[in-house]
């Protein structure tokens, strides 16, 4: 059975959203899991099914904090650097009710958001979803 995986991100995709999408594809291939991988855009009705999804800029505005300077990280395509800049905002506002992109939804369940998932964490989530779906080889 095919797993449904959706990556919610910005359009055009920021380096974090792009890396998250790539990582899902890499792991699916590595694990031999049949995945229907779909990109959803922040602010669309489809993305909002999983909660109020926002970009880093929107998150900062909505929680009333200054936007961190991310111009260097964007110019370099530095997903890890962007995650480092986003992390303090998320930590200061854990109960904001907002889903910061990138977000990963597996079989209609929000699994990760706010940063590029760690490869091992994503691997475990994909394997668990495959097991639940009865698709283990």
N, C-alpha and C. Protein backbone atom coordinates (compact mmCIF):
# COMPACT_ATOMS: atom_id res chain seq x y z
N UNK A 1 0.84 -1.18 0.00
CA UNK A 1 0.00 0.00 0.00
C UNK A 1 0.88 1.24 0.00
N UNK A 2 0.46 2.23 -0.73
CA UNK A 2 1.20 3.47 -0.87
C UNK A 2 0.93 4.38 0.33
N UNK A 3 2.01 4.94 0.90
CA UNK A 3 1.86 5.92 1.96
C UNK A 3 1.64 7.30 1.35
N UNK A 4 0.79 8.07 1.98
CA UNK A 4 0.56 9.44 1.57
C UNK A 4 1.44 10.35 2.43
N UNK A 5 2.34 11.08 1.79
CA UNK A 5 3.20 12.01 2.51
C UNK A 5 3.07 13.38 1.85
N UNK A 6 2.76 14.36 2.68
CA UNK A 6 2.62 15.73 2.20
C UNK A 6 3.63 16.60 2.93
N UNK A 7 4.34 17.42 2.17
CA UNK A 7 5.25 18.39 2.74
C UNK A 7 4.63 19.76 2.53
N UNK A 8 4.36 20.44 3.64
CA UNK A 8 3.77 21.78 3.57
C UNK A 8 4.90 22.78 3.66
N UNK A 9 4.94 23.67 2.67
CA UNK A 9 6.01 24.65 2.63
C UNK A 9 5.61 25.90 1.88
N UNK A 10 6.59 26.76 1.71
CA UNK A 10 6.36 28.03 1.03
C UNK A 10 6.49 27.84 -0.48
N UNK A 11 5.98 28.82 -1.22
CA UNK A 11 6.09 28.83 -2.67
C UNK A 11 6.56 30.20 -3.10
N UNK A 12 7.77 30.31 -3.67
CA UNK A 12 8.68 29.21 -3.97
C UNK A 12 9.22 28.60 -2.68
N UNK A 13 9.67 27.35 -2.76
CA UNK A 13 10.12 26.69 -1.53
C UNK A 13 11.41 27.32 -0.99
N UNK A 14 11.44 27.49 0.32
CA UNK A 14 12.67 27.94 0.97
C UNK A 14 13.60 26.73 1.05
N UNK A 15 14.86 26.93 1.39
CA UNK A 15 15.78 25.79 1.48
C UNK A 15 15.32 24.72 2.46
N UNK A 16 14.66 25.11 3.55
CA UNK A 16 14.19 24.12 4.53
C UNK A 16 13.08 23.26 3.94
N UNK A 17 12.15 23.89 3.27
CA UNK A 17 11.03 23.16 2.66
C UNK A 17 11.54 22.24 1.56
N UNK A 18 12.45 22.76 0.74
CA UNK A 18 13.03 21.98 -0.34
C UNK A 18 13.78 20.77 0.21
N UNK A 19 14.59 20.97 1.26
CA UNK A 19 15.36 19.87 1.85
C UNK A 19 14.44 18.82 2.46
N UNK A 20 13.36 19.26 3.08
CA UNK A 20 12.42 18.32 3.68
C UNK A 20 11.80 17.43 2.60
N UNK A 21 11.38 18.04 1.50
CA UNK A 21 10.79 17.30 0.39
C UNK A 21 11.80 16.28 -0.16
N UNK A 22 13.04 16.73 -0.36
CA UNK A 22 14.09 15.83 -0.86
C UNK A 22 14.32 14.67 0.10
N UNK A 23 14.37 14.97 1.38
CA UNK A 23 14.65 13.96 2.40
C UNK A 23 13.59 12.86 2.41
N UNK A 24 12.33 13.24 2.27
CA UNK A 24 11.26 12.24 2.22
C UNK A 24 11.48 11.32 1.02
N UNK A 25 11.77 11.90 -0.14
CA UNK A 25 12.01 11.10 -1.33
C UNK A 25 13.20 10.17 -1.19
N UNK A 26 14.29 10.70 -0.62
CA UNK A 26 15.49 9.89 -0.42
C UNK A 26 15.21 8.70 0.49
N UNK A 27 14.53 8.96 1.59
CA UNK A 27 14.24 7.88 2.55
C UNK A 27 13.27 6.86 1.98
N UNK A 28 12.27 7.31 1.26
CA UNK A 28 11.32 6.38 0.66
C UNK A 28 12.06 5.42 -0.27
N UNK A 29 12.97 5.97 -1.07
CA UNK A 29 13.75 5.14 -1.98
C UNK A 29 14.67 4.19 -1.21
N UNK A 30 15.36 4.74 -0.22
CA UNK A 30 16.28 3.96 0.62
C UNK A 30 15.58 2.79 1.31
N UNK A 31 14.36 3.04 1.78
CA UNK A 31 13.61 2.04 2.55
C UNK A 31 12.75 1.14 1.67
N UNK A 32 12.65 1.49 0.39
CA UNK A 32 11.80 0.72 -0.51
C UNK A 32 10.32 0.87 -0.21
N UNK A 33 9.94 2.05 0.26
CA UNK A 33 8.55 2.32 0.60
C UNK A 33 7.90 3.08 -0.55
N UNK A 34 6.74 2.62 -0.97
CA UNK A 34 5.98 3.28 -2.02
C UNK A 34 5.27 4.48 -1.41
N UNK A 35 5.66 5.68 -1.83
CA UNK A 35 5.14 6.91 -1.25
C UNK A 35 4.53 7.79 -2.33
N UNK A 36 3.35 8.29 -2.03
CA UNK A 36 2.75 9.34 -2.87
C UNK A 36 3.13 10.66 -2.19
N UNK A 37 4.14 11.34 -2.77
CA UNK A 37 4.70 12.55 -2.17
C UNK A 37 4.10 13.77 -2.84
N UNK A 38 3.57 14.65 -2.02
CA UNK A 38 2.87 15.82 -2.53
C UNK A 38 3.36 17.07 -1.80
N UNK A 39 3.49 18.16 -2.55
CA UNK A 39 3.82 19.46 -1.96
C UNK A 39 2.53 20.25 -1.76
N UNK A 40 2.37 20.80 -0.57
CA UNK A 40 1.25 21.69 -0.29
C UNK A 40 1.83 23.06 0.06
N UNK A 41 1.12 24.10 -0.31
CA UNK A 41 1.62 25.45 -0.10
C UNK A 41 0.93 26.08 1.11
N UNK A 42 1.76 26.68 1.97
CA UNK A 42 1.28 27.43 3.13
C UNK A 42 0.15 28.36 2.70
N UNK A 43 -0.92 28.38 3.48
CA UNK A 43 -2.03 29.29 3.21
C UNK A 43 -3.11 28.75 2.31
N UNK A 44 -2.90 27.59 1.70
CA UNK A 44 -3.93 27.01 0.84
C UNK A 44 -4.91 26.21 1.70
N UNK A 45 -6.09 26.00 1.16
CA UNK A 45 -7.12 25.24 1.88
C UNK A 45 -6.63 23.83 2.20
N UNK A 46 -5.93 23.21 1.28
CA UNK A 46 -5.43 21.85 1.51
C UNK A 46 -4.44 21.82 2.68
N UNK A 47 -3.53 22.77 2.74
CA UNK A 47 -2.56 22.83 3.84
C UNK A 47 -3.25 23.14 5.16
N UNK A 48 -4.25 24.00 5.12
CA UNK A 48 -4.94 24.42 6.34
C UNK A 48 -5.78 23.29 6.97
N UNK A 49 -5.98 22.20 6.24
CA UNK A 49 -6.67 21.04 6.83
C UNK A 49 -5.93 20.51 8.05
N UNK A 50 -4.63 20.78 8.11
CA UNK A 50 -3.80 20.24 9.18
C UNK A 50 -3.51 21.26 10.27
N UNK A 51 -4.02 22.46 10.12
CA UNK A 51 -3.80 23.52 11.09
C UNK A 51 -3.39 24.80 10.37
N UNK A 52 -3.17 25.84 11.12
CA UNK A 52 -2.79 27.12 10.52
C UNK A 52 -1.30 27.10 10.20
N UNK A 53 -0.99 26.84 8.96
CA UNK A 53 0.39 26.73 8.49
C UNK A 53 0.90 28.09 8.04
N UNK A 54 2.11 28.44 8.50
CA UNK A 54 2.66 29.75 8.19
C UNK A 54 4.14 29.65 7.86
N UNK A 55 4.62 30.69 7.18
CA UNK A 55 6.05 30.83 6.91
C UNK A 55 6.74 31.40 8.14
N UNK A 56 8.05 31.42 8.14
CA UNK A 56 8.80 31.99 9.26
C UNK A 56 8.47 33.46 9.45
N UNK A 57 8.38 34.19 8.36
CA UNK A 57 8.04 35.62 8.43
C UNK A 57 6.65 35.81 9.06
N UNK A 58 5.68 35.03 8.60
CA UNK A 58 4.33 35.13 9.15
C UNK A 58 4.31 34.74 10.63
N UNK A 59 5.06 33.71 10.99
CA UNK A 59 5.12 33.26 12.38
C UNK A 59 5.62 34.40 13.27
N UNK A 60 6.72 35.02 12.87
CA UNK A 60 7.28 36.12 13.66
C UNK A 60 6.26 37.25 13.82
N UNK A 61 5.60 37.61 12.73
CA UNK A 61 4.60 38.69 12.79
C UNK A 61 3.46 38.31 13.73
N UNK A 62 2.95 37.09 13.60
CA UNK A 62 1.79 36.67 14.38
C UNK A 62 2.07 36.52 15.88
N UNK A 63 3.31 36.21 16.24
CA UNK A 63 3.65 36.11 17.66
C UNK A 63 4.23 37.41 18.20
N UNK A 64 4.32 38.43 17.33
CA UNK A 64 4.76 39.75 17.76
C UNK A 64 6.24 39.87 18.04
N UNK A 65 7.03 39.15 17.28
CA UNK A 65 8.49 39.21 17.45
C UNK A 65 9.12 39.74 16.17
N UNK A 66 10.31 40.34 16.30
CA UNK A 66 11.00 40.78 15.09
C UNK A 66 11.45 39.57 14.27
N UNK A 67 11.42 39.75 12.99
CA UNK A 67 11.86 38.70 12.08
C UNK A 67 13.38 38.61 12.14
N UNK A 68 13.92 37.41 12.38
CA UNK A 68 15.38 37.28 12.37
C UNK A 68 15.91 37.56 10.96
N UNK A 69 17.12 38.07 10.89
CA UNK A 69 17.75 38.30 9.59
C UNK A 69 18.19 36.95 9.02
N UNK A 70 17.55 36.55 7.94
CA UNK A 70 17.86 35.25 7.33
C UNK A 70 18.40 35.40 5.92
N UNK A 71 18.77 36.61 5.54
CA UNK A 71 19.19 36.86 4.16
C UNK A 71 20.42 36.03 3.76
N UNK A 72 21.40 35.93 4.65
CA UNK A 72 22.60 35.14 4.33
C UNK A 72 22.25 33.66 4.15
N UNK A 73 21.43 33.14 5.05
CA UNK A 73 21.04 31.72 4.97
C UNK A 73 20.25 31.44 3.69
N UNK A 74 19.36 32.35 3.33
CA UNK A 74 18.60 32.17 2.09
C UNK A 74 19.52 32.21 0.88
N UNK A 75 20.45 33.16 0.87
CA UNK A 75 21.37 33.29 -0.26
C UNK A 75 22.24 32.04 -0.43
N UNK A 76 22.61 31.42 0.68
CA UNK A 76 23.45 30.21 0.63
C UNK A 76 22.63 28.93 0.48
N UNK A 77 21.30 29.02 0.62
CA UNK A 77 20.48 27.82 0.60
C UNK A 77 20.73 26.96 1.83
N UNK A 78 21.00 27.61 2.95
CA UNK A 78 21.43 26.97 4.19
C UNK A 78 20.22 26.58 5.05
N UNK A 79 19.70 25.37 4.84
CA UNK A 79 18.53 24.90 5.59
C UNK A 79 18.85 24.79 7.08
N UNK A 80 20.03 24.29 7.43
CA UNK A 80 20.39 24.15 8.85
C UNK A 80 20.49 25.51 9.52
N UNK A 81 21.06 26.48 8.83
CA UNK A 81 21.16 27.83 9.38
C UNK A 81 19.79 28.45 9.60
N UNK A 82 18.88 28.22 8.67
CA UNK A 82 17.51 28.72 8.82
C UNK A 82 16.83 28.05 10.01
N UNK A 83 17.05 26.75 10.17
CA UNK A 83 16.49 26.04 11.33
C UNK A 83 17.01 26.65 12.63
N UNK A 84 18.31 26.97 12.67
CA UNK A 84 18.88 27.58 13.88
C UNK A 84 18.23 28.93 14.18
N UNK A 85 17.89 29.69 13.14
CA UNK A 85 17.25 30.99 13.35
C UNK A 85 15.79 30.83 13.78
N UNK A 86 15.12 29.80 13.29
CA UNK A 86 13.71 29.59 13.61
C UNK A 86 13.50 28.98 14.99
N UNK A 87 14.44 28.17 15.43
CA UNK A 87 14.28 27.41 16.68
C UNK A 87 13.96 28.29 17.89
N UNK A 88 14.67 29.40 18.13
CA UNK A 88 14.34 30.22 19.31
C UNK A 88 12.91 30.76 19.28
N UNK A 89 12.43 31.13 18.09
CA UNK A 89 11.05 31.61 17.97
C UNK A 89 10.07 30.52 18.38
N UNK A 90 10.28 29.32 17.87
CA UNK A 90 9.41 28.20 18.21
C UNK A 90 9.47 27.89 19.70
N UNK A 91 10.65 27.92 20.26
CA UNK A 91 10.80 27.60 21.69
C UNK A 91 10.13 28.63 22.58
N UNK A 92 10.13 29.89 22.15
CA UNK A 92 9.48 30.94 22.96
C UNK A 92 7.97 30.93 22.83
N UNK A 93 7.46 30.28 21.79
CA UNK A 93 6.01 30.29 21.52
C UNK A 93 5.49 28.88 21.23
N UNK A 94 5.69 27.94 22.16
CA UNK A 94 5.28 26.56 21.89
C UNK A 94 3.76 26.38 21.81
N UNK A 95 3.02 27.30 22.39
CA UNK A 95 1.56 27.18 22.41
C UNK A 95 0.88 28.18 21.48
N UNK A 96 1.59 28.57 20.42
CA UNK A 96 1.05 29.58 19.50
C UNK A 96 -0.13 29.06 18.69
N UNK A 97 -0.24 27.75 18.54
CA UNK A 97 -1.29 27.18 17.70
C UNK A 97 -0.97 27.26 16.22
N UNK A 98 0.25 27.67 15.89
CA UNK A 98 0.66 27.81 14.50
C UNK A 98 1.57 26.65 14.10
N UNK A 99 1.48 26.28 12.84
CA UNK A 99 2.34 25.24 12.29
C UNK A 99 3.33 25.94 11.38
N UNK A 100 4.58 25.99 11.80
CA UNK A 100 5.62 26.64 11.02
C UNK A 100 6.14 25.68 9.97
N UNK A 101 6.18 26.15 8.72
CA UNK A 101 6.74 25.35 7.63
C UNK A 101 8.24 25.21 7.83
N UNK A 102 8.80 24.08 7.41
CA UNK A 102 8.17 22.98 6.72
C UNK A 102 7.43 22.06 7.70
N UNK A 103 6.40 21.43 7.17
CA UNK A 103 5.64 20.46 7.95
C UNK A 103 5.52 19.17 7.13
N UNK A 104 5.48 18.05 7.83
CA UNK A 104 5.34 16.76 7.17
C UNK A 104 4.10 16.07 7.71
N UNK A 105 3.24 15.67 6.79
CA UNK A 105 2.01 14.96 7.13
C UNK A 105 2.12 13.56 6.51
N UNK A 106 1.99 12.54 7.35
CA UNK A 106 2.06 11.16 6.87
C UNK A 106 0.71 10.51 7.12
N UNK A 107 0.08 10.05 6.03
CA UNK A 107 -1.25 9.43 6.11
C UNK A 107 -2.21 10.30 6.91
N UNK A 108 -2.25 11.58 6.56
CA UNK A 108 -3.15 12.58 7.14
C UNK A 108 -2.89 12.90 8.60
N UNK A 109 -1.71 12.56 9.11
CA UNK A 109 -1.36 12.89 10.49
C UNK A 109 -0.12 13.79 10.48
N UNK A 110 -0.25 14.96 11.09
CA UNK A 110 0.88 15.89 11.19
C UNK A 110 1.96 15.26 12.07
N UNK A 111 3.14 15.06 11.51
CA UNK A 111 4.22 14.38 12.23
C UNK A 111 5.36 15.33 12.62
N UNK A 112 5.68 16.28 11.76
CA UNK A 112 6.81 17.19 12.01
C UNK A 112 6.45 18.58 11.52
N UNK A 113 6.96 19.59 12.22
CA UNK A 113 6.86 20.95 11.70
C UNK A 113 7.88 21.84 12.37
N UNK A 114 8.19 22.95 11.69
CA UNK A 114 9.06 23.96 12.26
C UNK A 114 10.52 23.85 11.89
N UNK A 115 10.93 22.69 11.42
CA UNK A 115 12.32 22.50 11.00
C UNK A 115 12.40 21.29 10.09
N UNK A 116 13.54 21.15 9.43
CA UNK A 116 13.77 19.95 8.64
C UNK A 116 13.86 18.79 9.63
N UNK A 117 13.05 17.74 9.45
CA UNK A 117 13.11 16.62 10.39
C UNK A 117 14.48 15.95 10.37
N UNK A 118 14.89 15.44 11.51
CA UNK A 118 16.11 14.63 11.56
C UNK A 118 15.85 13.37 10.73
N UNK A 119 16.85 12.96 9.97
CA UNK A 119 16.69 11.82 9.07
C UNK A 119 16.20 10.58 9.81
N UNK A 120 16.79 10.30 10.96
CA UNK A 120 16.41 9.09 11.70
C UNK A 120 14.96 9.18 12.21
N UNK A 121 14.55 10.36 12.66
CA UNK A 121 13.17 10.55 13.12
C UNK A 121 12.18 10.33 11.98
N UNK A 122 12.52 10.86 10.81
CA UNK A 122 11.65 10.69 9.65
C UNK A 122 11.63 9.22 9.21
N UNK A 123 12.78 8.57 9.26
CA UNK A 123 12.86 7.14 8.92
C UNK A 123 11.90 6.34 9.81
N UNK A 124 11.97 6.58 11.11
CA UNK A 124 11.11 5.86 12.06
C UNK A 124 9.63 6.13 11.76
N UNK A 125 9.29 7.38 11.49
CA UNK A 125 7.89 7.73 11.21
C UNK A 125 7.39 7.03 9.95
N UNK A 126 8.22 6.98 8.92
CA UNK A 126 7.81 6.30 7.68
C UNK A 126 7.66 4.79 7.91
N UNK A 127 8.59 4.20 8.64
CA UNK A 127 8.49 2.76 8.91
C UNK A 127 7.28 2.44 9.77
N UNK A 128 7.00 3.27 10.76
CA UNK A 128 5.81 3.06 11.60
C UNK A 128 4.53 3.17 10.77
N UNK A 129 4.48 4.16 9.89
CA UNK A 129 3.28 4.33 9.05
C UNK A 129 3.11 3.13 8.13
N UNK A 130 4.21 2.64 7.58
CA UNK A 130 4.13 1.46 6.71
C UNK A 130 3.62 0.26 7.50
N UNK A 131 4.10 0.11 8.71
CA UNK A 131 3.69 -1.01 9.57
C UNK A 131 2.20 -0.93 9.90
N UNK A 132 1.74 0.27 10.23
CA UNK A 132 0.32 0.48 10.56
C UNK A 132 -0.56 0.17 9.36
N UNK A 133 -0.08 0.55 8.18
CA UNK A 133 -0.85 0.33 6.96
C UNK A 133 -0.81 -1.13 6.52
N UNK A 134 0.01 -1.93 7.18
CA UNK A 134 0.09 -3.35 6.81
C UNK A 134 0.90 -3.58 5.57
N UNK A 135 1.77 -2.63 5.25
CA UNK A 135 2.55 -2.75 4.02
C UNK A 135 3.95 -3.28 4.22
N UNK A 136 4.25 -3.86 5.37
CA UNK A 136 5.60 -4.38 5.58
C UNK A 136 5.86 -5.53 4.63
N UNK A 137 7.09 -5.55 4.13
CA UNK A 137 7.47 -6.60 3.19
C UNK A 137 7.86 -7.86 3.92
